[in-house]
Amino acid sequence: MAEIDIIAIDKNEYVFIEVKTRISNKYGNPIESVNENKIKHIIKAANYYVYKNNLESKNIRFDVIEVYIGKKENNIKHVKNLFF
């Protein structure tokens, strides 16, 4: 079964958030690891959550949070509406 890292409510939307962390860009940006296969799993998990909680009439959104862990500082980037 797929998992969702964070489920939040932003105003009138349920937001399903994938969190990706990197300590370097050696293997690309964190958001690049949210590929088609990962998106399918996230949507499947979100659909199950929506069904189990009777949220079919609610607005939903899919976001990604990129976390960069550096030697001197950390950086967080929130990308809204990455896919639907």
N, C-alpha and C. Protein backbone atom coordinates (compact mmCIF):
# COMPACT_ATOMS: atom_id res chain seq x y z
N MET A 1 0.84 -1.19 0.00
CA MET A 1 0.00 0.00 0.00
C MET A 1 0.88 1.25 0.00
N ALA A 2 0.48 2.25 -0.71
CA ALA A 2 1.22 3.50 -0.79
C ALA A 2 1.00 4.32 0.48
N GLU A 3 1.86 5.27 0.67
CA GLU A 3 1.75 6.14 1.84
C GLU A 3 1.74 7.60 1.42
N ILE A 4 1.17 8.41 2.29
CA ILE A 4 1.18 9.86 2.10
C ILE A 4 1.98 10.43 3.27
N ASP A 5 2.95 11.29 2.99
CA ASP A 5 3.79 11.84 4.06
C ASP A 5 3.00 12.79 4.96
N ILE A 6 2.26 13.71 4.37
CA ILE A 6 1.50 14.69 5.15
C ILE A 6 0.13 14.88 4.49
N ILE A 7 -0.90 14.91 5.31
CA ILE A 7 -2.23 15.30 4.85
C ILE A 7 -2.62 16.52 5.66
N ALA A 8 -2.92 17.60 4.97
CA ALA A 8 -3.22 18.87 5.64
C ALA A 8 -4.48 19.49 5.04
N ILE A 9 -4.99 20.48 5.72
CA ILE A 9 -6.12 21.26 5.19
C ILE A 9 -5.63 22.70 5.04
N ASP A 10 -5.79 23.23 3.83
CA ASP A 10 -5.43 24.61 3.53
C ASP A 10 -6.68 25.31 3.02
N LYS A 11 -7.27 26.12 3.89
CA LYS A 11 -8.54 26.79 3.59
C LYS A 11 -9.59 25.74 3.28
N ASN A 12 -10.02 25.61 2.02
CA ASN A 12 -11.07 24.65 1.68
C ASN A 12 -10.54 23.44 0.90
N GLU A 13 -9.24 23.19 0.98
CA GLU A 13 -8.65 22.08 0.24
C GLU A 13 -7.97 21.08 1.18
N TYR A 14 -8.11 19.81 0.84
CA TYR A 14 -7.30 18.77 1.48
C TYR A 14 -6.03 18.65 0.65
N VAL A 15 -4.90 18.73 1.31
CA VAL A 15 -3.62 18.75 0.62
C VAL A 15 -2.83 17.49 0.96
N PHE A 16 -2.47 16.74 -0.06
CA PHE A 16 -1.66 15.54 0.09
C PHE A 16 -0.23 15.93 -0.30
N ILE A 17 0.68 15.77 0.65
CA ILE A 17 2.03 16.31 0.47
C ILE A 17 3.06 15.20 0.51
N GLU A 18 3.92 15.18 -0.49
CA GLU A 18 5.06 14.29 -0.55
C GLU A 18 6.29 15.10 -0.13
N VAL A 19 7.08 14.57 0.80
CA VAL A 19 8.28 15.25 1.29
C VAL A 19 9.50 14.50 0.76
N LYS A 20 10.39 15.22 0.11
CA LYS A 20 11.62 14.64 -0.42
C LYS A 20 12.81 15.41 0.12
N THR A 21 13.81 14.68 0.59
CA THR A 21 14.99 15.29 1.23
C THR A 21 16.25 14.91 0.47
N ARG A 22 17.16 15.85 0.38
CA ARG A 22 18.48 15.61 -0.24
C ARG A 22 19.55 16.33 0.57
N ILE A 23 20.74 15.74 0.56
CA ILE A 23 21.89 16.42 1.17
C ILE A 23 22.81 16.99 0.09
N SER A 24 22.53 16.62 -1.18
CA SER A 24 23.26 17.20 -2.31
C SER A 24 22.40 17.03 -3.56
N ASN A 25 22.83 17.66 -4.64
CA ASN A 25 22.12 17.50 -5.92
C ASN A 25 22.77 16.44 -6.79
N LYS A 26 23.60 15.60 -6.20
CA LYS A 26 24.31 14.55 -6.94
C LYS A 26 23.34 13.68 -7.75
N TYR A 27 22.20 13.39 -7.18
CA TYR A 27 21.20 12.55 -7.86
C TYR A 27 20.00 13.37 -8.33
N GLY A 28 20.18 14.67 -8.46
CA GLY A 28 19.11 15.55 -8.93
C GLY A 28 18.39 16.23 -7.79
N ASN A 29 17.49 17.11 -8.15
CA ASN A 29 16.68 17.81 -7.16
C ASN A 29 15.68 16.84 -6.54
N PRO A 30 15.26 17.09 -5.32
CA PRO A 30 14.31 16.19 -4.68
C PRO A 30 13.03 15.98 -5.49
N ILE A 31 12.54 17.04 -6.09
CA ILE A 31 11.28 16.95 -6.83
C ILE A 31 11.38 16.00 -8.02
N GLU A 32 12.58 15.82 -8.54
CA GLU A 32 12.78 14.94 -9.69
C GLU A 32 12.52 13.47 -9.35
N SER A 33 12.57 13.14 -8.07
CA SER A 33 12.30 11.75 -7.67
C SER A 33 10.81 11.45 -7.58
N VAL A 34 9.98 12.47 -7.75
CA VAL A 34 8.53 12.26 -7.78
C VAL A 34 8.17 11.97 -9.24
N ASN A 35 8.42 10.75 -9.64
CA ASN A 35 8.22 10.33 -11.02
C ASN A 35 6.80 9.80 -11.24
N GLU A 36 6.53 9.35 -12.43
CA GLU A 36 5.19 8.87 -12.79
C GLU A 36 4.74 7.72 -11.89
N ASN A 37 5.63 6.81 -11.58
CA ASN A 37 5.29 5.68 -10.71
C ASN A 37 4.93 6.16 -9.30
N LYS A 38 5.72 7.07 -8.77
CA LYS A 38 5.46 7.61 -7.43
C LYS A 38 4.13 8.37 -7.41
N ILE A 39 3.86 9.13 -8.45
CA ILE A 39 2.61 9.88 -8.55
C ILE A 39 1.42 8.93 -8.54
N LYS A 40 1.51 7.81 -9.26
CA LYS A 40 0.43 6.82 -9.28
C LYS A 40 0.15 6.29 -7.87
N HIS A 41 1.22 6.01 -7.12
CA HIS A 41 1.05 5.50 -5.75
C HIS A 41 0.43 6.56 -4.82
N ILE A 42 0.85 7.79 -4.98
CA ILE A 42 0.30 8.87 -4.15
C ILE A 42 -1.19 9.06 -4.45
N ILE A 43 -1.55 9.07 -5.72
CA ILE A 43 -2.95 9.24 -6.11
C ILE A 43 -3.79 8.07 -5.58
N LYS A 44 -3.25 6.87 -5.68
CA LYS A 44 -3.97 5.69 -5.18
C LYS A 44 -4.23 5.82 -3.68
N ALA A 45 -3.23 6.20 -2.93
CA ALA A 45 -3.38 6.37 -1.48
C ALA A 45 -4.36 7.50 -1.16
N ALA A 46 -4.27 8.59 -1.90
CA ALA A 46 -5.18 9.73 -1.68
C ALA A 46 -6.62 9.34 -1.99
N ASN A 47 -6.82 8.60 -3.07
CA ASN A 47 -8.17 8.15 -3.41
C ASN A 47 -8.75 7.28 -2.30
N TYR A 48 -7.94 6.41 -1.75
CA TYR A 48 -8.40 5.56 -0.65
C TYR A 48 -8.77 6.41 0.56
N TYR A 49 -7.93 7.38 0.90
CA TYR A 49 -8.20 8.27 2.04
C TYR A 49 -9.50 9.05 1.82
N VAL A 50 -9.66 9.58 0.62
CA VAL A 50 -10.88 10.34 0.29
C VAL A 50 -12.11 9.45 0.43
N TYR A 51 -12.03 8.23 -0.10
CA TYR A 51 -13.15 7.29 -0.02
C TYR A 51 -13.47 6.93 1.43
N LYS A 52 -12.46 6.56 2.21
CA LYS A 52 -12.67 6.11 3.60
C LYS A 52 -13.21 7.23 4.49
N ASN A 53 -12.93 8.48 4.13
CA ASN A 53 -13.35 9.61 4.96
C ASN A 53 -14.48 10.42 4.34
N ASN A 54 -15.12 9.85 3.32
CA ASN A 54 -16.27 10.49 2.66
C ASN A 54 -15.97 11.94 2.26
N LEU A 55 -14.87 12.13 1.57
CA LEU A 55 -14.45 13.48 1.17
C LEU A 55 -14.59 13.73 -0.33
N GLU A 56 -15.41 12.93 -0.99
CA GLU A 56 -15.54 13.02 -2.44
C GLU A 56 -15.94 14.40 -2.92
N SER A 57 -16.66 15.15 -2.11
CA SER A 57 -17.11 16.48 -2.53
C SER A 57 -16.11 17.59 -2.19
N LYS A 58 -14.99 17.23 -1.58
CA LYS A 58 -13.99 18.23 -1.17
C LYS A 58 -12.97 18.47 -2.27
N ASN A 59 -12.39 19.65 -2.26
CA ASN A 59 -11.29 19.98 -3.17
C ASN A 59 -10.01 19.35 -2.63
N ILE A 60 -9.21 18.80 -3.53
CA ILE A 60 -7.93 18.24 -3.11
C ILE A 60 -6.80 18.81 -3.96
N ARG A 61 -5.60 18.74 -3.40
CA ARG A 61 -4.42 19.28 -4.07
C ARG A 61 -3.23 18.38 -3.73
N PHE A 62 -2.28 18.29 -4.64
CA PHE A 62 -1.07 17.50 -4.41
C PHE A 62 0.14 18.41 -4.46
N ASP A 63 0.89 18.44 -3.37
CA ASP A 63 2.07 19.29 -3.24
C ASP A 63 3.31 18.44 -2.98
N VAL A 64 4.46 19.05 -3.17
CA VAL A 64 5.74 18.44 -2.80
C VAL A 64 6.51 19.45 -1.96
N ILE A 65 7.11 18.97 -0.90
CA ILE A 65 8.03 19.78 -0.10
C ILE A 65 9.42 19.22 -0.30
N GLU A 66 10.32 20.07 -0.79
CA GLU A 66 11.72 19.69 -0.97
C GLU A 66 12.51 20.18 0.24
N VAL A 67 13.29 19.30 0.83
CA VAL A 67 14.13 19.66 1.96
C VAL A 67 15.58 19.42 1.56
N TYR A 68 16.36 20.49 1.64
CA TYR A 68 17.80 20.41 1.37
C TYR A 68 18.53 20.54 2.70
N ILE A 69 19.31 19.53 3.04
CA ILE A 69 20.08 19.56 4.29
C ILE A 69 21.53 19.85 3.92
N GLY A 70 22.00 21.03 4.33
CA GLY A 70 23.36 21.43 4.01
C GLY A 70 24.28 21.39 5.21
N LYS A 71 25.55 21.57 4.98
CA LYS A 71 26.52 21.59 6.08
C LYS A 71 26.36 22.82 6.95
N LYS A 72 26.00 23.96 6.33
CA LYS A 72 25.87 25.21 7.09
C LYS A 72 24.43 25.64 7.30
N GLU A 73 23.55 25.29 6.36
CA GLU A 73 22.16 25.68 6.51
C GLU A 73 21.25 24.71 5.78
N ASN A 74 19.99 24.74 6.14
CA ASN A 74 18.98 23.91 5.50
C ASN A 74 18.04 24.82 4.71
N ASN A 75 17.39 24.24 3.72
CA ASN A 75 16.48 25.01 2.89
C ASN A 75 15.25 24.16 2.61
N ILE A 76 14.09 24.78 2.63
CA ILE A 76 12.83 24.09 2.35
C ILE A 76 12.11 24.84 1.24
N LYS A 77 11.60 24.07 0.27
CA LYS A 77 10.85 24.65 -0.85
C LYS A 77 9.52 23.91 -0.94
N HIS A 78 8.42 24.67 -0.95
CA HIS A 78 7.08 24.10 -1.04
C HIS A 78 6.54 24.35 -2.45
N VAL A 79 6.29 23.27 -3.17
CA VAL A 79 5.77 23.35 -4.54
C VAL A 79 4.31 22.93 -4.50
N LYS A 80 3.42 23.86 -4.80
CA LYS A 80 1.98 23.58 -4.76
C LYS A 80 1.47 23.11 -6.11
N ASN A 81 0.43 22.29 -6.05
CA ASN A 81 -0.25 21.80 -7.27
C ASN A 81 0.71 21.16 -8.26
N LEU A 82 1.55 20.28 -7.77
CA LEU A 82 2.53 19.67 -8.66
C LEU A 82 1.87 18.80 -9.71
N PHE A 83 0.86 18.07 -9.33
CA PHE A 83 0.17 17.20 -10.28
C PHE A 83 -1.26 17.00 -9.82
N PHE A 84 -2.07 16.45 -10.70
CA PHE A 84 -3.44 16.10 -10.34
C PHE A 84 -3.82 14.83 -11.03
